[in-house]
Amino acid sequence: MLGFVLGWAVLAVAALGTGRLATFAFLILSVIALFLYVPWVRLRVDGIDGSSRPVRFWTNVAMLAVSLAACLAFGVMLARRTGFL
């Protein structure tokens, strides 16, 4: 997991260094979404699913917002690559 995050961070820094802000945003937002999602998978596996519903709800809302922002950044990347922007 640490190697994945470090590799993703190197790609994000390279994207930022070359001026590709949409790519940078996509990389950062997708890593944030991953870190918002992974702890809840562990909690569900451990059987602590109903222990803190409000916290889980707002974490899921944040994960959804970050995921949608990552999809938007990905769409901007594709639009720029194909010449629409």
PDB file of N, CA and C in Angstrom:
ATOM      1  N   MET A   1       0.835  -1.198   0.000  1.00  0.00           N
ATOM      2  CA  MET A   1       0.000   0.000   0.000  1.00  0.00           C
ATOM      3  C   MET A   1       0.871   1.249   0.000  1.00  0.00           C
ATOM      4  N   LEU A   2       1.944   1.214   0.764  1.00  0.00           N
ATOM      5  CA  LEU A   2       2.829   2.373   0.816  1.00  0.00           C
ATOM      6  C   LEU A   2       3.489   2.619  -0.543  1.00  0.00           C
ATOM      7  N   GLY A   3       3.878   1.532  -1.215  1.00  0.00           N
ATOM      8  CA  GLY A   3       4.470   1.675  -2.550  1.00  0.00           C
ATOM      9  C   GLY A   3       3.485   2.255  -3.548  1.00  0.00           C
ATOM     10  N   PHE A   4       2.217   1.856  -3.424  1.00  0.00           N
ATOM     11  CA  PHE A   4       1.180   2.393  -4.302  1.00  0.00           C
ATOM     12  C   PHE A   4       1.025   3.895  -4.098  1.00  0.00           C
ATOM     13  N   VAL A   5       0.964   4.303  -2.841  1.00  0.00           N
ATOM     14  CA  VAL A   5       0.776   5.725  -2.524  1.00  0.00           C
ATOM     15  C   VAL A   5       1.993   6.535  -2.968  1.00  0.00           C
ATOM     16  N   LEU A   6       3.189   6.023  -2.729  1.00  0.00           N
ATOM     17  CA  LEU A   6       4.391   6.747  -3.154  1.00  0.00           C
ATOM     18  C   LEU A   6       4.461   6.866  -4.678  1.00  0.00           C
ATOM     19  N   GLY A   7       4.126   5.794  -5.365  1.00  0.00           N
ATOM     20  CA  GLY A   7       4.098   5.848  -6.828  1.00  0.00           C
ATOM     21  C   GLY A   7       3.077   6.845  -7.339  1.00  0.00           C
ATOM     22  N   TRP A   8       1.918   6.839  -6.705  1.00  0.00           N
ATOM     23  CA  TRP A   8       0.861   7.785  -7.088  1.00  0.00           C
ATOM     24  C   TRP A   8       1.313   9.217  -6.817  1.00  0.00           C
ATOM     25  N   ALA A   9       2.021   9.426  -5.702  1.00  0.00           N
ATOM     26  CA  ALA A   9       2.521  10.764  -5.366  1.00  0.00           C
ATOM     27  C   ALA A   9       3.571  11.222  -6.361  1.00  0.00           C
ATOM     28  N   VAL A  10       4.429  10.325  -6.807  1.00  0.00           N
ATOM     29  CA  VAL A  10       5.431  10.676  -7.827  1.00  0.00           C
ATOM     30  C   VAL A  10       4.734  11.075  -9.122  1.00  0.00           C
ATOM     31  N   LEU A  11       3.718  10.329  -9.513  1.00  0.00           N
ATOM     32  CA  LEU A  11       2.958  10.688 -10.722  1.00  0.00           C
ATOM     33  C   LEU A  11       2.266  12.042 -10.559  1.00  0.00           C
ATOM     34  N   ALA A  12       1.717  12.296  -9.373  1.00  0.00           N
ATOM     35  CA  ALA A  12       1.031  13.571  -9.127  1.00  0.00           C
ATOM     36  C   ALA A  12       2.017  14.736  -9.201  1.00  0.00           C
ATOM     37  N   VAL A  13       3.196  14.572  -8.622  1.00  0.00           N
ATOM     38  CA  VAL A  13       4.206  15.636  -8.670  1.00  0.00           C
ATOM     39  C   VAL A  13       4.662  15.860 -10.112  1.00  0.00           C
ATOM     40  N   ALA A  14       4.824  14.777 -10.870  1.00  0.00           N
ATOM     41  CA  ALA A  14       5.211  14.910 -12.276  1.00  0.00           C
ATOM     42  C   ALA A  14       4.121  15.629 -13.068  1.00  0.00           C
ATOM     43  N   ALA A  15       2.862  15.307 -12.795  1.00  0.00           N
ATOM     44  CA  ALA A  15       1.760  15.979 -13.484  1.00  0.00           C
ATOM     45  C   ALA A  15       1.714  17.457 -13.132  1.00  0.00           C
ATOM     46  N   LEU A  16       1.934  17.774 -11.863  1.00  0.00           N
ATOM     47  CA  LEU A  16       1.932  19.170 -11.441  1.00  0.00           C
ATOM     48  C   LEU A  16       3.124  19.916 -12.044  1.00  0.00           C
ATOM     49  N   GLY A  17       4.265  19.245 -12.105  1.00  0.00           N
ATOM     50  CA  GLY A  17       5.463  19.865 -12.671  1.00  0.00           C
ATOM     51  C   GLY A  17       5.332  20.170 -14.148  1.00  0.00           C
ATOM     52  N   THR A  18       4.545  19.379 -14.876  1.00  0.00           N
ATOM     53  CA  THR A  18       4.368  19.618 -16.312  1.00  0.00           C
ATOM     54  C   THR A  18       3.165  20.501 -16.611  1.00  0.00           C
ATOM     55  N   GLY A  19       2.466  20.934 -15.560  1.00  0.00           N
ATOM     56  CA  GLY A  19       1.344  21.848 -15.761  1.00  0.00           C
ATOM     57  C   GLY A  19       0.031  21.161 -16.071  1.00  0.00           C
ATOM     58  N   ARG A  20      -0.070  19.886 -15.857  1.00  0.00           N
ATOM     59  CA  ARG A  20      -1.320  19.158 -16.111  1.00  0.00           C
ATOM     60  C   ARG A  20      -2.141  19.123 -14.822  1.00  0.00           C
ATOM     61  N   LEU A  21      -2.883  20.182 -14.608  1.00  0.00           N
ATOM     62  CA  LEU A  21      -3.621  20.341 -13.355  1.00  0.00           C
ATOM     63  C   LEU A  21      -4.768  19.342 -13.227  1.00  0.00           C
ATOM     64  N   ALA A  22      -5.435  19.025 -14.344  1.00  0.00           N
ATOM     65  CA  ALA A  22      -6.532  18.054 -14.275  1.00  0.00           C
ATOM     66  C   ALA A  22      -6.003  16.673 -13.904  1.00  0.00           C
ATOM     67  N   THR A  23      -4.853  16.299 -14.446  1.00  0.00           N
ATOM     68  CA  THR A  23      -4.252  15.013 -14.105  1.00  0.00           C
ATOM     69  C   THR A  23      -3.832  15.002 -12.642  1.00  0.00           C
ATOM     70  N   PHE A  24      -3.235  16.085 -12.192  1.00  0.00           N
ATOM     71  CA  PHE A  24      -2.840  16.209 -10.781  1.00  0.00           C
ATOM     72  C   PHE A  24      -4.060  16.070  -9.880  1.00  0.00           C
ATOM     73  N   ALA A  25      -5.138  16.775 -10.213  1.00  0.00           N
ATOM     74  CA  ALA A  25      -6.360  16.715  -9.405  1.00  0.00           C
ATOM     75  C   ALA A  25      -6.919  15.298  -9.372  1.00  0.00           C
ATOM     76  N   PHE A  26      -6.929  14.627 -10.520  1.00  0.00           N
ATOM     77  CA  PHE A  26      -7.444  13.265 -10.569  1.00  0.00           C
ATOM     78  C   PHE A  26      -6.628  12.337  -9.673  1.00  0.00           C
ATOM     79  N   LEU A  27      -5.312  12.431  -9.746  1.00  0.00           N
ATOM     80  CA  LEU A  27      -4.458  11.556  -8.948  1.00  0.00           C
ATOM     81  C   LEU A  27      -4.644  11.795  -7.455  1.00  0.00           C
ATOM     82  N   ILE A  28      -4.658  13.052  -7.052  1.00  0.00           N
ATOM     83  CA  ILE A  28      -4.811  13.368  -5.631  1.00  0.00           C
ATOM     84  C   ILE A  28      -6.199  12.964  -5.122  1.00  0.00           C
ATOM     85  N   LEU A  29      -7.231  13.285  -5.884  1.00  0.00           N
ATOM     86  CA  LEU A  29      -8.591  12.972  -5.444  1.00  0.00           C
ATOM     87  C   LEU A  29      -8.854  11.473  -5.392  1.00  0.00           C
ATOM     88  N   SER A  30      -8.282  10.724  -6.318  1.00  0.00           N
ATOM     89  CA  SER A  30      -8.508   9.279  -6.285  1.00  0.00           C
ATOM     90  C   SER A  30      -7.799   8.633  -5.092  1.00  0.00           C
ATOM     91  N   VAL A  31      -6.642   9.130  -4.705  1.00  0.00           N
ATOM     92  CA  VAL A  31      -5.974   8.605  -3.511  1.00  0.00           C
ATOM     93  C   VAL A  31      -6.766   8.964  -2.254  1.00  0.00           C
ATOM     94  N   ILE A  32      -7.307  10.165  -2.208  1.00  0.00           N
ATOM     95  CA  ILE A  32      -8.134  10.552  -1.058  1.00  0.00           C
ATOM     96  C   ILE A  32      -9.366   9.658  -0.975  1.00  0.00           C
ATOM     97  N   ALA A  33      -9.999   9.393  -2.109  1.00  0.00           N
ATOM     98  CA  ALA A  33     -11.172   8.513  -2.115  1.00  0.00           C
ATOM     99  C   ALA A  33     -10.801   7.113  -1.649  1.00  0.00           C
ATOM    100  N   LEU A  34      -9.642   6.631  -2.037  1.00  0.00           N
ATOM    101  CA  LEU A  34      -9.194   5.310  -1.600  1.00  0.00           C
ATOM    102  C   LEU A  34      -9.038   5.278  -0.086  1.00  0.00           C
ATOM    103  N   PHE A  35      -8.434   6.300   0.498  1.00  0.00           N
ATOM    104  CA  PHE A  35      -8.239   6.320   1.939  1.00  0.00           C
ATOM    105  C   PHE A  35      -9.541   6.533   2.693  1.00  0.00           C
ATOM    106  N   LEU A  36     -10.535   7.169   2.090  1.00  0.00           N
ATOM    107  CA  LEU A  36     -11.833   7.284   2.739  1.00  0.00           C
ATOM    108  C   LEU A  36     -12.576   5.956   2.712  1.00  0.00           C
ATOM    109  N   TYR A  37     -12.334   5.137   1.680  1.00  0.00           N
ATOM    110  CA  TYR A  37     -13.080   3.900   1.513  1.00  0.00           C
ATOM    111  C   TYR A  37     -12.489   2.736   2.308  1.00  0.00           C
ATOM    112  N   VAL A  38     -11.194   2.601   2.309  1.00  0.00           N
ATOM    113  CA  VAL A  38     -10.548   1.413   2.865  1.00  0.00           C
ATOM    114  C   VAL A  38     -10.865   1.174   4.342  1.00  0.00           C
ATOM    115  N   PRO A  39     -10.838   2.181   5.234  1.00  0.00           N
ATOM    116  CA  PRO A  39     -11.148   1.875   6.647  1.00  0.00           C
ATOM    117  C   PRO A  39     -12.547   1.302   6.853  1.00  0.00           C
ATOM    118  N   TRP A  40     -13.530   1.704   6.040  1.00  0.00           N
ATOM    119  CA  TRP A  40     -14.889   1.193   6.235  1.00  0.00           C
ATOM    120  C   TRP A  40     -15.007  -0.226   5.756  1.00  0.00           C
ATOM    121  N   VAL A  41     -14.206  -0.624   4.793  1.00  0.00           N
ATOM    122  CA  VAL A  41     -14.199  -2.022   4.387  1.00  0.00           C
ATOM    123  C   VAL A  41     -13.675  -2.874   5.538  1.00  0.00           C
ATOM    124  N   ARG A  42     -12.633  -2.414   6.215  1.00  0.00           N
ATOM    125  CA  ARG A  42     -12.084  -3.146   7.358  1.00  0.00           C
ATOM    126  C   ARG A  42     -13.100  -3.235   8.497  1.00  0.00           C
ATOM    127  N   LEU A  43     -13.812  -2.142   8.763  1.00  0.00           N
ATOM    128  CA  LEU A  43     -14.807  -2.169   9.832  1.00  0.00           C
ATOM    129  C   LEU A  43     -15.928  -3.152   9.521  1.00  0.00           C
ATOM    130  N   ARG A  44     -16.354  -3.203   8.270  1.00  0.00           N
ATOM    131  CA  ARG A  44     -17.423  -4.102   7.889  1.00  0.00           C
ATOM    132  C   ARG A  44     -16.974  -5.556   8.031  1.00  0.00           C
ATOM    133  N   VAL A  45     -15.741  -5.832   7.677  1.00  0.00           N
ATOM    134  CA  VAL A  45     -15.218  -7.187   7.790  1.00  0.00           C
ATOM    135  C   VAL A  45     -15.104  -7.590   9.259  1.00  0.00           C
ATOM    136  N   ASP A  46     -14.744  -6.657  10.124  1.00  0.00           N
ATOM    137  CA  ASP A  46     -14.584  -6.960  11.540  1.00  0.00           C
ATOM    138  C   ASP A  46     -15.913  -7.063  12.282  1.00  0.00           C
ATOM    139  N   GLY A  47     -17.002  -6.738  11.657  1.00  0.00           N
ATOM    140  CA  GLY A  47     -18.296  -6.847  12.306  1.00  0.00           C
ATOM    141  C   GLY A  47     -18.670  -5.652  13.147  1.00  0.00           C
ATOM    142  N   ILE A  48     -18.030  -4.505  12.959  1.00  0.00           N
ATOM    143  CA  ILE A  48     -18.340  -3.302  13.736  1.00  0.00           C
ATOM    144  C   ILE A  48     -19.187  -2.363  12.872  1.00  0.00           C
ATOM    145  N   ASP A  49     -19.969  -2.946  11.982  1.00  0.00           N
ATOM    146  CA  ASP A  49     -20.676  -2.168  10.967  1.00  0.00           C
ATOM    147  C   ASP A  49     -21.604  -1.122  11.558  1.00  0.00           C
ATOM    148  N   GLY A  50     -22.346  -1.423  12.620  1.00  0.00           N
ATOM    149  CA  GLY A  50     -23.339  -0.486  13.119  1.00  0.00           C
ATOM    150  C   GLY A  50     -22.867   0.394  14.259  1.00  0.00           C
ATOM    151  N   SER A  51     -21.579   0.454  14.511  1.00  0.00           N
ATOM    152  CA  SER A  51     -21.112   1.151  15.706  1.00  0.00           C
ATOM    153  C   SER A  51     -21.211   2.665  15.609  1.00  0.00           C
ATOM    154  N   SER A  52     -20.969   3.243  14.458  1.00  0.00           N
ATOM    155  CA  SER A  52     -21.000   4.702  14.349  1.00  0.00           C
ATOM    156  C   SER A  52     -21.613   5.107  13.017  1.00  0.00           C
ATOM    157  N   ARG A  53     -22.902   4.996  12.931  1.00  0.00           N
ATOM    158  CA  ARG A  53     -23.601   5.277  11.670  1.00  0.00           C
ATOM    159  C   ARG A  53     -23.415   6.717  11.171  1.00  0.00           C
ATOM    160  N   PRO A  54     -23.528   7.757  12.017  1.00  0.00           N
ATOM    161  CA  PRO A  54     -23.353   9.116  11.497  1.00  0.00           C
ATOM    162  C   PRO A  54     -21.964   9.343  10.913  1.00  0.00           C
ATOM    163  N   VAL A  55     -20.952   8.813  11.580  1.00  0.00           N
ATOM    164  CA  VAL A  55     -19.588   8.987  11.065  1.00  0.00           C
ATOM    165  C   VAL A  55     -19.445   8.271   9.739  1.00  0.00           C
ATOM    166  N   ARG A  56     -19.980   7.058   9.660  1.00  0.00           N
ATOM    167  CA  ARG A  56     -19.894   6.300   8.412  1.00  0.00           C
ATOM    168  C   ARG A  56     -20.659   7.016   7.295  1.00  0.00           C
ATOM    169  N   PHE A  57     -21.827   7.579   7.613  1.00  0.00           N
ATOM    170  CA  PHE A  57     -22.614   8.293   6.612  1.00  0.00           C
ATOM    171  C   PHE A  57     -21.836   9.464   6.039  1.00  0.00           C
ATOM    172  N   TRP A  58     -21.258  10.293   6.907  1.00  0.00           N
ATOM    173  CA  TRP A  58     -20.540  11.472   6.411  1.00  0.00           C
ATOM    174  C   TRP A  58     -19.246  11.097   5.710  1.00  0.00           C
ATOM    175  N   THR A  59     -18.624   9.995   6.127  1.00  0.00           N
ATOM    176  CA  THR A  59     -17.448   9.522   5.403  1.00  0.00           C
ATOM    177  C   THR A  59     -17.844   9.064   4.007  1.00  0.00           C
ATOM    178  N   ASN A  60     -18.977   8.395   3.891  1.00  0.00           N
ATOM    179  CA  ASN A  60     -19.452   7.964   2.567  1.00  0.00           C
ATOM    180  C   ASN A  60     -19.829   9.161   1.706  1.00  0.00           C
ATOM    181  N   VAL A  61     -20.415  10.175   2.304  1.00  0.00           N
ATOM    182  CA  VAL A  61     -20.754  11.387   1.545  1.00  0.00           C
ATOM    183  C   VAL A  61     -19.475  12.056   1.042  1.00  0.00           C
ATOM    184  N   ALA A  62     -18.468  12.140   1.909  1.00  0.00           N
ATOM    185  CA  ALA A  62     -17.196  12.728   1.495  1.00  0.00           C
ATOM    186  C   ALA A  62     -16.547  11.900   0.402  1.00  0.00           C
ATOM    187  N   MET A  63     -16.600  10.564   0.528  1.00  0.00           N
ATOM    188  CA  MET A  63     -16.020   9.705  -0.487  1.00  0.00           C
ATOM    189  C   MET A  63     -16.753   9.890  -1.815  1.00  0.00           C
ATOM    190  N   LEU A  64     -18.058  10.012  -1.780  1.00  0.00           N
ATOM    191  CA  LEU A  64     -18.823  10.228  -3.003  1.00  0.00           C
ATOM    192  C   LEU A  64     -18.450  11.556  -3.652  1.00  0.00           C
ATOM    193  N   ALA A  65     -18.337  12.609  -2.862  1.00  0.00           N
ATOM    194  CA  ALA A  65     -17.960  13.922  -3.401  1.00  0.00           C
ATOM    195  C   ALA A  65     -16.560  13.884  -4.017  1.00  0.00           C
ATOM    196  N   VAL A  66     -15.629  13.250  -3.329  1.00  0.00           N
ATOM    197  CA  VAL A  66     -14.266  13.164  -3.851  1.00  0.00           C
ATOM    198  C   VAL A  66     -14.236  12.310  -5.109  1.00  0.00           C
ATOM    199  N   SER A  67     -14.996  11.220  -5.124  1.00  0.00           N
ATOM    200  CA  SER A  67     -15.035  10.364  -6.312  1.00  0.00           C
ATOM    201  C   SER A  67     -15.634  11.099  -7.509  1.00  0.00           C
ATOM    202  N   LEU A  68     -16.693  11.865  -7.272  1.00  0.00           N
ATOM    203  CA  LEU A  68     -17.286  12.636  -8.361  1.00  0.00           C
ATOM    204  C   LEU A  68     -16.317  13.705  -8.878  1.00  0.00           C
ATOM    205  N   ALA A  69     -15.590  14.335  -7.965  1.00  0.00           N
ATOM    206  CA  ALA A  69     -14.599  15.320  -8.387  1.00  0.00           C
ATOM    207  C   ALA A  69     -13.479  14.656  -9.185  1.00  0.00           C
ATOM    208  N   ALA A  70     -13.078  13.450  -8.788  1.00  0.00           N
ATOM    209  CA  ALA A  70     -12.056  12.717  -9.544  1.00  0.00           C
ATOM    210  C   ALA A  70     -12.573  12.365 -10.931  1.00  0.00           C
ATOM    211  N   CYS A  71     -13.837  11.976 -11.033  1.00  0.00           N
ATOM    212  CA  CYS A  71     -14.426  11.679 -12.348  1.00  0.00           C
ATOM    213  C   CYS A  71     -14.485  12.935 -13.217  1.00  0.00           C
ATOM    214  N   LEU A  72     -14.813  14.060 -12.608  1.00  0.00           N
ATOM    215  CA  LEU A  72     -14.827  15.317 -13.348  1.00  0.00           C
ATOM    216  C   LEU A  72     -13.431  15.662 -13.857  1.00  0.00           C
ATOM    217  N   ALA A  73     -12.427  15.492 -13.014  1.00  0.00           N
ATOM    218  CA  ALA A  73     -11.047  15.748 -13.432  1.00  0.00           C
ATOM    219  C   ALA A  73     -10.642  14.798 -14.555  1.00  0.00           C
ATOM    220  N   PHE A  74     -11.071  13.543 -14.463  1.00  0.00           N
ATOM    221  CA  PHE A  74     -10.777  12.580 -15.526  1.00  0.00           C
ATOM    222  C   PHE A  74     -11.453  12.987 -16.829  1.00  0.00           C
ATOM    223  N   GLY A  75     -12.692  13.470 -16.736  1.00  0.00           N
ATOM    224  CA  GLY A  75     -13.392  13.949 -17.920  1.00  0.00           C
ATOM    225  C   GLY A  75     -12.687  15.137 -18.557  1.00  0.00           C
ATOM    226  N   VAL A  76     -12.194  16.046 -17.728  1.00  0.00           N
ATOM    227  CA  VAL A  76     -11.440  17.194 -18.249  1.00  0.00           C
ATOM    228  C   VAL A  76     -10.163  16.723 -18.934  1.00  0.00           C
ATOM    229  N   MET A  77      -9.499  15.727 -18.335  1.00  0.00           N
ATOM    230  CA  MET A  77      -8.285  15.182 -18.960  1.00  0.00           C
ATOM    231  C   MET A  77      -8.604  14.611 -20.342  1.00  0.00           C
ATOM    232  N   LEU A  78      -9.678  13.846 -20.426  1.00  0.00           N
ATOM    233  CA  LEU A  78     -10.047  13.251 -21.718  1.00  0.00           C
ATOM    234  C   LEU A  78     -10.463  14.316 -22.723  1.00  0.00           C
ATOM    235  N   ALA A  79     -11.204  15.314 -22.274  1.00  0.00           N
ATOM    236  CA  ALA A  79     -11.633  16.384 -23.174  1.00  0.00           C
ATOM    237  C   ALA A  79     -10.448  17.172 -23.715  1.00  0.00           C
ATOM    238  N   ARG A  80      -9.468  17.411 -22.876  1.00  0.00           N
ATOM    239  CA  ARG A  80      -8.274  18.141 -23.338  1.00  0.00           C
ATOM    240  C   ARG A  80      -7.469  17.281 -24.308  1.00  0.00           C
ATOM    241  N   ARG A  81      -7.400  15.963 -24.028  1.00  0.00           N
ATOM    242  CA  ARG A  81      -6.640  15.060 -24.873  1.00  0.00           C
ATOM    243  C   ARG A  81      -7.276  14.914 -26.262  1.00  0.00           C
ATOM    244  N   THR A  82      -8.603  14.890 -26.318  1.00  0.00           N
ATOM    245  CA  THR A  82      -9.293  14.730 -27.592  1.00  0.00           C
ATOM    246  C   THR A  82      -9.511  16.044 -28.317  1.00  0.00           C
ATOM    247  N   GLY A  83      -9.226  17.177 -27.673  1.00  0.00           N
ATOM    248  CA  GLY A  83      -9.310  18.462 -28.342  1.00  0.00           C
ATOM    249  C   GLY A  83     -10.601  19.217 -28.123  1.00  0.00           C
ATOM    250  N   PHE A  84     -11.463  18.730 -27.236  1.00  0.00           N
ATOM    251  CA  PHE A  84     -12.708  19.449 -26.959  1.00  0.00           C
ATOM    252  C   PHE A  84     -12.476  20.688 -26.109  1.00  0.00           C
ATOM    253  N   LEU A  85     -11.406  20.711 -25.318  1.00  0.00           N
ATOM    254  CA  LEU A  85     -11.082  21.885 -24.480  1.00  0.00           C
ATOM    255  C   LEU A  85      -9.752  22.461 -24.892  1.00  0.00           C
TER     256      LEU A  85
END
